[in-house]
Protein backbone atom coordinates (compact mmCIF):
# COMPACT_ATOMS: atom_id res chain seq x y z
CA MET A 1 156.24 71.43 -7.21
CA SER A 2 155.42 74.94 -8.31
CA GLY A 3 152.68 76.85 -6.52
CA LYS A 4 150.47 77.13 -9.62
CA PHE A 5 150.78 73.44 -10.41
CA LYS A 6 149.93 72.48 -6.83
CA ARG A 7 146.91 74.83 -6.74
CA VAL A 8 145.54 73.26 -9.91
CA LEU A 9 146.03 69.74 -8.57
CA GLU A 10 144.45 70.53 -5.21
CA ARG A 11 141.44 72.08 -6.97
CA ILE A 12 140.94 68.97 -9.10
CA VAL A 13 141.82 65.96 -6.94
CA GLY A 14 142.54 67.33 -3.49
CA GLY A 15 140.82 66.17 -0.40
CA LYS A 16 141.28 66.02 3.34
CA GLY A 17 144.09 63.49 2.90
CA GLY A 18 145.94 65.52 0.27
CA ILE A 19 146.29 64.69 -3.41
CA SER A 20 145.18 61.16 -4.36
CA GLU A 21 147.59 59.68 -6.93
CA GLN A 22 144.94 57.30 -8.28
CA ARG A 23 142.31 60.05 -8.68
CA LEU A 24 144.93 62.31 -10.25
CA GLU A 25 145.99 59.76 -12.88
CA GLU A 26 142.39 58.93 -13.77
CA TRP A 27 141.49 62.61 -14.06
CA LEU A 28 144.56 63.46 -16.16
CA LEU A 29 143.96 60.62 -18.60
CA LYS A 30 140.37 61.77 -19.15
CA ASN A 31 140.97 65.52 -19.20
CA CYS A 32 144.31 66.29 -20.86
CA GLY A 33 143.86 69.23 -23.19
CA HIS A 34 140.78 70.64 -21.46
CA PRO A 35 141.10 74.20 -20.11
CA ILE A 36 141.16 74.82 -16.35
CA ARG A 37 140.42 78.34 -15.12
CA LEU A 38 141.92 79.37 -11.79
CA ASP A 39 140.50 81.97 -9.39
CA ASP A 40 142.93 84.59 -10.73
CA GLY A 41 141.41 84.25 -14.23
CA ARG A 42 144.37 82.47 -15.80
CA VAL A 43 143.67 79.37 -17.88
CA TYR A 44 145.86 76.27 -17.93
CA GLN A 45 145.73 72.83 -19.47
CA PHE A 46 147.53 69.58 -18.79
CA PHE A 47 149.21 67.67 -21.59
CA ARG A 48 150.49 64.10 -21.84
CA GLY A 49 154.24 63.71 -22.11
CA PRO A 50 156.30 60.66 -23.06
CA ASP A 51 156.50 57.77 -20.61
CA ASP A 52 159.60 57.92 -18.43
CA ASP A 53 162.40 55.32 -18.37
CA GLN A 54 160.39 53.11 -15.99
CA GLY A 55 157.27 53.23 -18.20
CA ARG A 56 155.37 55.64 -15.94
CA LYS A 57 153.04 58.19 -17.51
CA THR A 58 154.18 61.82 -17.45
CA PHE A 59 152.14 65.00 -17.71
CA GLY A 60 152.86 68.70 -17.96
CA LEU A 61 150.99 71.93 -17.37
CA MET A 62 150.95 74.98 -19.64
CA GLU A 63 149.20 78.32 -19.55
CA VAL A 64 146.71 78.94 -22.35
CA LYS A 65 146.71 82.50 -23.70
């Protein structure tokens, strides 16, 4: 997992026990496409990708210029 991606995830759904998969999926489904500004001023957004071969949801992260 890239450092930027992990920092974004920890900011959103991190906790003392690490990243909660359930909280992450719920958050992603509600917030795909919304901008996320990091401490360094860069802005990113998650997007929904196609389901994988096992039918699991996939998501990606891109920088917004």
